[in-house]
Amino acid sequence: MGVTTRKNTKNKVSYPIATVKTIKNFLISETLAIVTSSFSLLPSSLHPLHPLHPLQNPLPNFLLPYAIALTLIMIMQYRRFGRTELSMPVFSCGGMRYQYKWQDVPANEIPPDNQQNLEATIRYSVECGINHIETARGYGTSEMQLGRILPNFPREKLIVQTKVSPKPNSQEFREEFEKSLAYLQLEYVDLLSLHGINTWELLEESMRPGGCMDVAKKLQAEGKVRFIGFSTHGPTDVIVKTIETNQFDYLNLHWYYINQINWQAIEAAKRHDMGVFIISPSDKGGQLYRPPQKLVDLCYPLSPMVFNDLFCLSQPQVHTLSLGAAKPEDFNEHLKAVELLDKVDEILPPILKKLEKAAIDKLGEDWFNTWHVGLPTIENTPGGINIYVILLLWNLAQAYDTIDYCKMRYNLLGNGGHWFPGQKADRLDELDLRRPLAHSPHAAKIPGILQAADRLFGGEAIQRLSQK
């Protein structure tokens, strides 16, 4: 909002077998007996929620083989993940929603039904062509529980990523990684991220001689890690500087329709031929699994979730989106986007126009285009107020009625550490913002908006998931 929307470009994507057009022609020209042989390509234990399972499929039996053949081709698309050369599915299976606890617990404390759900989610993910499984040492029991299912798959068919936070003591970083590998019950991971390079201090700590990057490279030389990346919730300048070290093969970052501030970092990643993984597009991107009616109407005929998927993937520099599935059926809405990827140039512009018009109608064109200009950093703002985030949330609430999402994010301020820095605007009467706002064209009205935002959003403090 107020950040230039990138022009949509035609995707250059690869299909696992052939193009849909070729397959359609094949199905028309070949006999039913030949197409029926497609059954042999299906996994032997197709999940009951898979669109082609008999319990879910409304097609007559004689048409099912045709649907199977088409779906095997259409269900997933893949992109080259930068210089790793990995064939990455456009959706990835994020590992922070299905685990039992956010802290390590003994294996015998994990309830059987929780483990069964996690395993069903992973099986369904792989059946749908989503073979990139992403987790982290900081995700509690996620790695331990994944270690009970991942070894059941052919290792070369999976892309496994884990993440370990930088440590002042690089030996501790190595010990944490070794714990991850043991929990996963794997000999190596394809992708290791330095988890949370969010500040200049963490960047320096990671890159110093003998630091965590040196340890990661040793792990790579030992065959325990194939490629090294970093994840970040930090400011764009820190992200770009980390990219420009040219030491990383890929990055995980936030970028989606409601907050496009990190586009400069994505462009930098492209210059360095890095893989680009988008973090939490459906949750941090607006809680799109629970959208307000106004947003539903504006995104029609797509759901807000499918619209946001297509918006992100319309940029070929973006390679994969994380889906934080809590259960198998959480993938299904996203899968609708796959078959629409080749039509983004015709599908997205009308919706983008409606969204922009709705925002301008509520906020005014001048504010819509310039609200973010000249804002101070958190460090240069009295009381550490995160003015940028608060104004962004105000804009979203006014334009699209995303009140619940904005309350959740606002009340995390002050409790998010370097993952979501800055404070709320609940002490404005004690602060003088005239000097830090001197370069803003809206200096006179911003304090009033901050006060209004605090009245609208203020409530009980929210904790990050990993703190619960």
Protein backbone atom coordinates (compact mmCIF):
# COMPACT_ATOMS: atom_id res chain seq x y z
CA MET A 1 0.00 0.00 0.00
CA GLY A 2 1.65 3.17 -1.19
CA VAL A 3 4.51 1.02 -2.51
CA THR A 4 4.67 0.60 -6.26
CA THR A 5 3.08 -2.65 -7.41
CA ARG A 6 5.35 -4.53 -9.75
CA LYS A 7 4.10 -5.23 -13.23
CA ASN A 8 3.00 -8.78 -13.75
CA THR A 9 5.23 -10.81 -16.01
CA LYS A 10 4.67 -14.15 -17.66
CA ASN A 11 6.02 -16.98 -15.58
CA LYS A 12 8.68 -19.26 -16.89
CA VAL A 13 7.85 -22.46 -15.05
CA SER A 14 8.57 -26.13 -15.57
CA TYR A 15 6.17 -29.03 -15.36
CA PRO A 16 7.34 -32.40 -14.07
CA ILE A 17 6.29 -34.37 -17.19
CA ALA A 18 4.96 -32.19 -20.01
CA THR A 19 2.78 -29.20 -20.70
CA VAL A 20 -0.90 -29.34 -19.96
CA LYS A 21 -1.68 -28.68 -23.61
CA THR A 22 0.32 -31.69 -24.71
CA ILE A 23 -1.36 -33.87 -22.13
CA LYS A 24 -4.83 -32.72 -23.21
CA ASN A 25 -4.05 -33.61 -26.79
CA PHE A 26 -2.72 -36.94 -25.63
CA LEU A 27 -5.89 -37.69 -23.70
CA ILE A 28 -8.04 -36.88 -26.70
CA SER A 29 -6.04 -39.02 -29.10
CA GLU A 30 -5.25 -42.02 -26.94
CA THR A 31 -7.56 -44.77 -25.85
CA LEU A 32 -9.18 -45.11 -22.47
CA ALA A 33 -7.11 -48.20 -21.80
CA ILE A 34 -3.86 -46.24 -22.15
CA VAL A 35 -5.07 -43.45 -19.89
CA THR A 36 -6.28 -45.95 -17.31
CA SER A 37 -2.68 -47.01 -16.84
CA SER A 38 -2.18 -43.65 -15.13
CA PHE A 39 -3.55 -45.30 -11.98
CA SER A 40 -0.20 -47.00 -11.56
CA LEU A 41 1.47 -43.59 -11.13
CA LEU A 42 -0.52 -42.72 -8.03
CA PRO A 43 0.90 -43.25 -4.54
CA SER A 44 -0.26 -46.53 -3.10
CA SER A 45 -1.82 -44.80 -0.09
CA LEU A 46 -3.49 -41.73 -1.56
CA HIS A 47 -4.66 -39.49 1.28
CA PRO A 48 -8.47 -39.40 1.65
CA LEU A 49 -8.44 -35.60 1.27
CA HIS A 50 -6.58 -35.66 -2.03
CA PRO A 51 -8.83 -34.33 -4.82
CA LEU A 52 -8.47 -37.64 -6.68
CA HIS A 53 -9.39 -39.90 -3.80
CA PRO A 54 -12.75 -41.63 -4.47
CA LEU A 55 -14.23 -40.05 -1.34
CA GLN A 56 -13.53 -36.55 -2.68
CA ASN A 57 -13.95 -36.96 -6.43
CA PRO A 58 -17.40 -36.27 -7.88
CA LEU A 59 -16.50 -37.47 -11.39
CA PRO A 60 -18.01 -40.63 -12.86
CA ASN A 61 -15.67 -43.57 -12.59
CA PHE A 62 -15.02 -43.73 -16.32
CA LEU A 63 -13.67 -40.11 -16.27
CA LEU A 64 -11.44 -40.58 -13.24
CA PRO A 65 -8.40 -41.83 -15.20
CA TYR A 66 -8.48 -38.68 -17.33
CA ALA A 67 -8.59 -36.52 -14.21
CA ILE A 68 -5.73 -38.47 -12.67
CA ALA A 69 -3.53 -38.00 -15.72
CA LEU A 70 -4.24 -34.29 -15.86
CA THR A 71 -3.86 -33.71 -12.14
CA LEU A 72 -0.51 -35.50 -11.99
CA ILE A 73 0.76 -32.88 -14.42
CA MET A 74 -1.11 -29.82 -13.20
CA ILE A 75 -1.00 -30.23 -9.43
CA MET A 76 2.35 -28.55 -8.94
CA GLN A 77 4.75 -26.27 -10.76
CA TYR A 78 8.45 -25.91 -10.06
CA ARG A 79 11.01 -23.14 -10.34
CA ARG A 80 14.79 -23.09 -10.36
CA PHE A 81 15.78 -22.10 -6.81
CA GLY A 82 18.56 -19.73 -7.76
CA ARG A 83 22.12 -20.98 -7.86
CA THR A 84 21.24 -24.05 -5.84
CA GLU A 85 19.79 -25.41 -9.12
CA LEU A 86 17.14 -27.22 -7.03
CA SER A 87 13.78 -27.71 -8.72
CA MET A 88 11.63 -26.04 -6.07
CA PRO A 89 7.84 -26.41 -5.88
CA VAL A 90 6.08 -23.05 -5.90
CA PHE A 91 4.61 -23.99 -2.52
CA SER A 92 6.60 -25.29 0.45
CA CYS A 93 5.40 -27.16 3.52
CA GLY A 94 6.23 -24.97 6.52
CA GLY A 95 6.76 -26.80 9.80
CA MET A 96 5.54 -24.42 12.53
CA ARG A 97 1.81 -25.20 12.75
CA TYR A 98 1.41 -28.95 13.06
CA GLN A 99 3.86 -29.78 15.84
CA TYR A 100 2.79 -30.65 19.39
CA LYS A 101 4.82 -28.12 21.40
CA TRP A 102 6.95 -25.04 20.86
CA GLN A 103 9.48 -26.50 23.29
CA ASP A 104 11.38 -29.78 23.17
CA VAL A 105 9.67 -32.55 25.12
CA PRO A 106 10.42 -36.27 25.50
CA ALA A 107 9.21 -38.25 22.50
CA ASN A 108 6.83 -40.32 24.63
CA GLU A 109 4.87 -37.18 25.57
CA ILE A 110 3.77 -36.51 21.98
CA PRO A 111 0.12 -37.60 21.65
CA PRO A 112 -0.48 -40.25 18.98
CA ASP A 113 -3.24 -38.22 17.31
CA ASN A 114 -0.95 -35.21 16.95
CA GLN A 115 1.77 -37.35 15.38
CA GLN A 116 -0.73 -39.02 13.07
CA ASN A 117 -1.97 -35.62 11.88
CA LEU A 118 1.58 -34.41 11.23
CA GLU A 119 2.40 -37.53 9.24
CA ALA A 120 -0.83 -37.29 7.26
CA THR A 121 0.00 -33.65 6.46
CA ILE A 122 3.48 -34.55 5.20
CA ARG A 123 2.20 -37.45 3.10
CA TYR A 124 -0.46 -35.25 1.53
CA SER A 125 2.08 -32.50 0.88
CA VAL A 126 4.36 -34.89 -0.99
CA GLU A 127 1.44 -36.43 -2.91
CA CYS A 128 0.56 -32.92 -4.12
CA GLY A 129 4.11 -32.38 -5.38
CA ILE A 130 5.12 -30.17 -2.41
CA ASN A 131 8.36 -31.95 -1.58
CA HIS A 132 10.11 -29.05 0.18
CA ILE A 133 9.69 -29.58 3.93
CA GLU A 134 10.82 -26.61 6.04
CA THR A 135 11.32 -26.54 9.80
CA ALA A 136 13.65 -25.04 12.43
CA ARG A 137 15.44 -25.82 15.66
CA GLY A 138 13.26 -23.12 17.22
CA TYR A 139 10.01 -24.88 16.29
CA GLY A 140 9.89 -27.10 19.35
CA THR A 141 8.96 -30.71 18.61
CA SER A 142 8.63 -30.12 14.84
CA GLU A 143 12.00 -31.68 13.93
CA MET A 144 11.59 -34.63 16.28
CA GLN A 145 8.14 -35.41 14.88
CA LEU A 146 9.29 -35.01 11.28
CA GLY A 147 12.06 -37.50 12.04
CA ARG A 148 9.41 -40.19 12.40
CA ILE A 149 8.08 -39.71 8.84
CA LEU A 150 10.76 -38.19 6.58
CA PRO A 151 13.03 -41.29 6.51
CA ASN A 152 10.11 -43.21 4.99
CA PHE A 153 10.46 -41.28 1.73
CA PRO A 154 13.21 -41.71 -0.88
CA ARG A 155 15.71 -39.12 0.34
CA GLU A 156 16.51 -37.81 -3.14
CA LYS A 157 12.83 -36.96 -3.65
CA LEU A 158 12.74 -34.52 -0.73
CA ILE A 159 14.13 -31.03 -0.18
CA VAL A 160 14.55 -30.59 3.58
CA GLN A 161 15.34 -27.23 5.18
CA THR A 162 16.02 -26.49 8.80
CA LYS A 163 17.07 -23.25 10.44
CA VAL A 164 19.33 -22.51 13.41
CA SER A 165 19.62 -19.10 15.05
CA PRO A 166 23.05 -17.43 15.12
CA LYS A 167 24.90 -17.76 18.42
CA PRO A 168 27.73 -15.69 19.94
CA ASN A 169 29.46 -19.04 20.53
CA SER A 170 29.67 -20.70 17.12
CA GLN A 171 30.26 -24.09 18.74
CA GLU A 172 26.80 -23.79 20.28
CA PHE A 173 25.44 -23.12 16.78
CA ARG A 174 27.03 -26.36 15.60
CA GLU A 175 25.64 -28.30 18.56
CA GLU A 176 22.16 -26.98 17.82
CA PHE A 177 22.47 -28.07 14.19
CA GLU A 178 23.66 -31.54 15.17
CA LYS A 179 20.62 -31.81 17.43
CA SER A 180 18.41 -30.84 14.46
CA LEU A 181 19.98 -33.50 12.25
CA ALA A 182 19.58 -36.16 14.93
CA TYR A 183 15.93 -35.27 15.49
CA LEU A 184 15.25 -35.33 11.74
CA GLN A 185 16.97 -38.72 11.49
CA LEU A 186 18.69 -37.64 8.29
CA GLU A 187 22.31 -37.77 7.19
CA TYR A 188 22.11 -34.28 5.68
CA VAL A 189 19.75 -31.38 5.03
CA ASP A 190 19.47 -29.77 1.62
CA LEU A 191 19.09 -26.26 3.04
CA LEU A 192 20.44 -24.77 6.27
CA SER A 193 19.35 -21.24 7.16
CA LEU A 194 20.94 -18.93 9.65
CA HIS A 195 17.64 -18.19 11.36
CA GLY A 196 16.80 -14.57 12.01
CA ILE A 197 19.50 -12.25 10.70
CA ASN A 198 17.32 -9.33 11.77
CA THR A 199 19.84 -6.75 13.00
CA TRP A 200 23.27 -5.40 12.14
CA GLU A 201 24.63 -7.06 15.28
CA LEU A 202 23.33 -10.50 14.26
CA LEU A 203 24.76 -10.04 10.77
CA GLU A 204 28.18 -9.18 12.17
CA GLU A 205 27.98 -12.06 14.64
CA SER A 206 27.15 -14.48 11.84
CA MET A 207 29.85 -13.35 9.41
CA ARG A 208 32.83 -12.73 11.70
CA PRO A 209 35.85 -15.03 11.32
CA GLY A 210 35.13 -18.19 13.27
CA GLY A 211 31.45 -17.30 13.46
CA CYS A 212 28.32 -19.19 12.49
CA MET A 213 28.86 -18.87 8.73
CA ASP A 214 32.27 -20.49 9.05
CA VAL A 215 30.66 -23.35 10.98
CA ALA A 216 27.94 -23.70 8.33
CA LYS A 217 30.60 -23.95 5.63
CA LYS A 218 32.39 -26.67 7.60
CA LEU A 219 29.11 -28.58 7.85
CA GLN A 220 28.75 -28.17 4.11
CA ALA A 221 32.25 -29.54 3.52
CA GLU A 222 31.38 -32.51 5.74
CA GLY A 223 28.37 -33.34 3.56
CA LYS A 224 25.80 -32.52 6.25
CA VAL A 225 24.49 -29.42 4.44
CA ARG A 226 24.08 -28.88 0.72
CA PHE A 227 23.26 -25.15 0.56
CA ILE A 228 23.40 -22.27 3.04
CA GLY A 229 20.86 -19.47 3.31
CA PHE A 230 19.40 -17.09 5.84
CA SER A 231 15.95 -16.17 7.09
CA THR A 232 15.04 -12.67 8.15
CA HIS A 233 12.34 -10.49 9.65
CA GLY A 234 14.70 -7.52 9.63
CA PRO A 235 14.68 -4.12 7.91
CA THR A 236 15.34 -4.02 4.20
CA ASP A 237 18.79 -2.41 4.49
CA VAL A 238 20.01 -5.24 6.74
CA ILE A 239 18.59 -7.82 4.33
CA VAL A 240 20.25 -6.22 1.30
CA LYS A 241 23.61 -5.97 3.08
CA THR A 242 23.39 -9.65 4.02
CA ILE A 243 22.64 -10.55 0.40
CA GLU A 244 25.56 -8.48 -0.80
CA THR A 245 28.03 -10.54 1.22
CA ASN A 246 27.44 -13.08 -1.59
CA GLN A 247 27.91 -15.88 0.94
CA PHE A 248 24.35 -17.20 0.86
CA ASP A 249 22.61 -19.36 -1.73
CA TYR A 250 19.03 -18.38 -0.82
CA LEU A 251 16.96 -16.34 1.63
CA ASN A 252 13.62 -16.52 3.42
CA LEU A 253 11.87 -13.15 3.80
CA HIS A 254 8.49 -11.41 4.02
CA TRP A 255 6.91 -9.96 0.88
CA TYR A 256 3.25 -10.07 -0.16
CA TYR A 257 0.47 -7.77 -1.35
CA ILE A 258 -0.18 -5.90 1.89
CA ASN A 259 3.50 -5.20 2.57
CA GLN A 260 5.87 -4.91 -0.40
CA ILE A 261 8.63 -2.98 1.35
CA ASN A 262 11.21 -5.75 0.77
CA TRP A 263 11.02 -5.69 -3.03
CA GLN A 264 14.48 -4.08 -3.14
CA ALA A 265 15.85 -7.15 -1.32
CA ILE A 266 14.22 -9.51 -3.81
CA GLU A 267 15.83 -7.59 -6.67
CA ALA A 268 19.19 -7.84 -4.88
CA ALA A 269 18.68 -11.58 -4.47
CA LYS A 270 18.04 -11.89 -8.19
CA ARG A 271 21.31 -10.10 -8.97
CA HIS A 272 23.12 -12.68 -6.82
CA ASP A 273 21.13 -15.60 -8.30
CA MET A 274 19.72 -16.57 -4.92
CA GLY A 275 16.68 -18.68 -4.21
CA VAL A 276 13.75 -16.66 -2.78
CA PHE A 277 11.37 -18.19 -0.23
CA ILE A 278 8.43 -16.10 1.02
CA ILE A 279 7.64 -16.47 4.72
CA SER A 280 4.04 -16.74 5.94
CA PRO A 281 2.17 -15.09 3.04
CA SER A 282 -1.23 -16.20 4.34
CA ASP A 283 -0.78 -15.40 8.05
CA LYS A 284 1.56 -12.42 8.28
CA GLY A 285 0.16 -11.47 4.87
CA GLY A 286 -3.24 -10.69 6.42
CA GLN A 287 -4.64 -13.82 8.15
CA LEU A 288 -6.11 -14.70 4.77
CA TYR A 289 -7.53 -17.98 6.06
CA ARG A 290 -9.99 -15.77 8.01
CA PRO A 291 -10.52 -12.73 5.74
CA PRO A 292 -13.04 -9.92 6.34
CA GLN A 293 -15.99 -9.81 3.98
CA LYS A 294 -14.80 -6.60 2.34
CA LEU A 295 -11.53 -8.24 1.31
CA VAL A 296 -13.42 -11.29 0.06
CA ASP A 297 -15.58 -9.05 -2.13
CA LEU A 298 -12.64 -7.08 -3.48
CA CYS A 299 -10.70 -10.22 -4.44
CA TYR A 300 -13.64 -11.93 -6.13
CA PRO A 301 -13.69 -14.18 -8.19
CA LEU A 302 -10.58 -15.39 -6.33
CA SER A 303 -10.33 -15.93 -2.60
CA PRO A 304 -7.96 -13.49 -0.85
CA MET A 305 -5.59 -16.41 -0.26
CA VAL A 306 -5.44 -17.45 -3.91
CA PHE A 307 -5.13 -13.80 -4.99
CA ASN A 308 -2.14 -13.29 -2.69
CA ASP A 309 -0.51 -16.52 -3.88
CA LEU A 310 -0.85 -15.40 -7.49
CA PHE A 311 0.34 -11.89 -6.67
CA CYS A 312 3.56 -13.25 -5.13
CA LEU A 313 4.16 -15.91 -7.76
CA SER A 314 3.47 -13.51 -10.64
CA GLN A 315 7.06 -12.40 -10.07
CA PRO A 316 9.52 -14.97 -11.45
CA GLN A 317 12.11 -13.77 -8.91
CA VAL A 318 9.90 -15.36 -6.23
CA HIS A 319 10.39 -19.12 -6.23
CA THR A 320 8.30 -20.60 -3.42
CA LEU A 321 5.72 -19.61 -0.80
CA SER A 322 5.60 -21.17 2.64
CA LEU A 323 2.28 -22.79 3.56
CA GLY A 324 2.09 -23.29 7.32
CA ALA A 325 -0.30 -26.21 7.17
CA ALA A 326 -1.76 -27.44 10.45
CA LYS A 327 -3.63 -30.30 8.78
CA PRO A 328 -3.78 -31.91 5.32
CA GLU A 329 -6.74 -29.95 3.99
CA ASP A 330 -4.94 -26.63 4.58
CA PHE A 331 -3.20 -27.10 1.22
CA ASN A 332 -6.34 -27.32 -0.88
CA GLU A 333 -7.22 -23.65 -1.28
CA HIS A 334 -3.63 -22.85 -2.28
CA LEU A 335 -3.58 -25.60 -4.90
CA LYS A 336 -6.27 -23.71 -6.80
CA ALA A 337 -3.63 -21.10 -7.63
CA VAL A 338 -1.39 -23.54 -9.48
CA GLU A 339 -3.58 -23.97 -12.53
CA LEU A 340 -4.08 -20.17 -12.73
CA LEU A 341 -0.41 -19.20 -12.81
CA ASP A 342 -0.29 -18.93 -16.58
CA LYS A 343 -3.27 -16.53 -16.50
CA VAL A 344 -2.02 -13.99 -13.97
CA ASP A 345 -1.70 -11.24 -16.58
CA GLU A 346 -5.44 -11.32 -17.16
CA ILE A 347 -6.64 -12.34 -13.70
CA LEU A 348 -4.69 -10.00 -11.42
CA PRO A 349 -5.07 -6.50 -12.95
CA PRO A 350 -8.84 -6.13 -12.33
CA ILE A 351 -8.44 -7.22 -8.70
CA LEU A 352 -5.43 -4.99 -8.15
CA LYS A 353 -7.45 -2.09 -9.55
CA LYS A 354 -10.34 -2.78 -7.16
CA LEU A 355 -8.01 -3.02 -4.16
CA GLU A 356 -6.24 0.23 -5.01
CA LYS A 357 -9.50 2.07 -5.60
CA ALA A 358 -10.91 0.89 -2.28
CA ALA A 359 -7.80 2.13 -0.48
CA ILE A 360 -7.78 5.51 -2.23
CA ASP A 361 -11.50 5.99 -1.58
CA LYS A 362 -10.94 5.55 2.16
CA LEU A 363 -7.52 7.12 2.61
CA GLY A 364 -7.23 9.73 -0.13
CA GLU A 365 -4.83 9.53 -3.06
CA ASP A 366 -2.14 11.75 -1.57
CA TRP A 367 -1.91 9.73 1.65
CA PHE A 368 -2.10 6.44 -0.26
CA ASN A 369 0.91 7.39 -2.38
CA THR A 370 3.09 9.19 0.17
CA TRP A 371 2.24 8.07 3.73
CA HIS A 372 5.53 6.20 4.07
CA VAL A 373 7.77 9.04 2.82
CA GLY A 374 10.21 10.51 5.34
CA LEU A 375 9.30 8.30 8.28
CA PRO A 376 11.96 7.86 10.96
CA THR A 377 13.50 4.52 11.88
CA ILE A 378 12.57 2.93 15.18
CA GLU A 379 15.98 3.86 16.57
CA ASN A 380 15.39 7.53 15.73
CA THR A 381 11.89 7.70 17.17
CA PRO A 382 11.22 8.70 20.79
CA GLY A 383 9.90 5.77 22.77
CA GLY A 384 10.97 3.38 20.01
CA ILE A 385 7.54 3.62 18.35
CA ASN A 386 7.30 1.62 15.13
CA ILE A 387 5.56 4.36 13.17
CA TYR A 388 5.82 2.61 9.80
CA VAL A 389 4.09 -0.57 10.98
CA ILE A 390 1.38 1.27 12.91
CA LEU A 391 0.50 3.46 9.92
CA LEU A 392 0.50 0.41 7.64
CA LEU A 393 -1.91 -1.38 9.97
CA TRP A 394 -4.12 1.73 10.11
CA ASN A 395 -4.23 1.85 6.31
CA LEU A 396 -5.15 -1.83 6.04
CA ALA A 397 -7.89 -1.55 8.63
CA GLN A 398 -9.40 1.52 6.98
CA ALA A 399 -9.18 0.20 3.43
CA TYR A 400 -10.03 -3.49 3.87
CA ASP A 401 -11.57 -3.93 7.36
CA THR A 402 -8.71 -6.19 8.51
CA ILE A 403 -9.34 -5.27 12.15
CA ASP A 404 -8.59 -8.65 13.74
CA TYR A 405 -5.32 -9.02 11.87
CA CYS A 406 -4.27 -5.47 12.73
CA LYS A 407 -5.09 -5.92 16.41
CA MET A 408 -3.01 -9.08 16.51
CA ARG A 409 0.01 -7.41 14.93
CA TYR A 410 -0.32 -4.16 16.88
CA ASN A 411 -0.43 -5.88 20.25
CA LEU A 412 2.68 -7.87 19.41
CA LEU A 413 4.65 -4.61 19.34
CA GLY A 414 6.73 -4.33 22.48
CA ASN A 415 6.86 -8.09 22.89
CA GLY A 416 8.33 -9.32 19.60
CA GLY A 417 12.01 -8.62 20.20
CA HIS A 418 14.10 -8.25 17.05
CA TRP A 419 11.61 -10.47 15.19
CA PHE A 420 8.97 -7.70 15.32
CA PRO A 421 10.64 -4.66 16.82
CA GLY A 422 9.36 -1.38 18.17
CA GLN A 423 6.68 -0.17 20.53
CA LYS A 424 3.00 0.71 20.36
CA ALA A 425 1.74 4.30 20.29
CA ASP A 426 0.24 4.16 23.77
CA ARG A 427 2.50 6.84 25.33
CA LEU A 428 2.22 9.64 22.79
CA ASP A 429 1.29 12.23 25.42
CA GLU A 430 4.77 11.81 26.90
CA LEU A 431 6.64 12.12 23.58
CA ASP A 432 7.52 14.85 21.09
CA LEU A 433 7.52 13.56 17.51
CA ARG A 434 8.01 16.89 15.73
CA ARG A 435 11.73 16.43 15.04
CA PRO A 436 11.66 12.78 13.85
CA LEU A 437 8.69 13.55 11.59
CA ALA A 438 10.24 16.68 10.12
CA HIS A 439 10.81 15.02 6.72
CA SER A 440 7.31 13.60 6.40
CA PRO A 441 4.78 15.45 4.22
CA HIS A 442 2.14 14.36 6.75
CA ALA A 443 3.95 15.40 9.94
CA ALA A 444 0.96 17.36 11.24
CA LYS A 445 -1.56 14.52 10.98
CA ILE A 446 0.53 11.46 11.86
CA PRO A 447 0.40 11.88 15.68
CA GLY A 448 -3.40 11.97 15.51
CA ILE A 449 -3.49 8.84 13.37
CA LEU A 450 -1.16 7.07 15.79
CA GLN A 451 -3.49 7.94 18.66
CA ALA A 452 -6.52 6.75 16.69
CA ALA A 453 -4.72 3.51 15.84
CA ASP A 454 -3.96 2.88 19.48
CA ARG A 455 -7.61 3.40 20.40
CA LEU A 456 -8.75 1.05 17.62
CA PHE A 457 -6.16 -1.71 18.02
CA GLY A 458 -4.97 -1.47 21.62
CA GLY A 459 -5.52 -4.44 23.88
CA GLU A 460 -3.81 -7.25 25.74
CA ALA A 461 -0.21 -7.90 24.74
CA ILE A 462 0.34 -10.70 22.22
CA GLN A 463 3.23 -13.15 22.37
CA ARG A 464 5.08 -14.66 19.45
CA LEU A 465 4.11 -18.30 18.87
CA SER A 466 7.50 -19.51 20.04
CA GLN A 467 6.98 -17.74 23.39
CA LYS A 468 3.74 -19.56 24.20
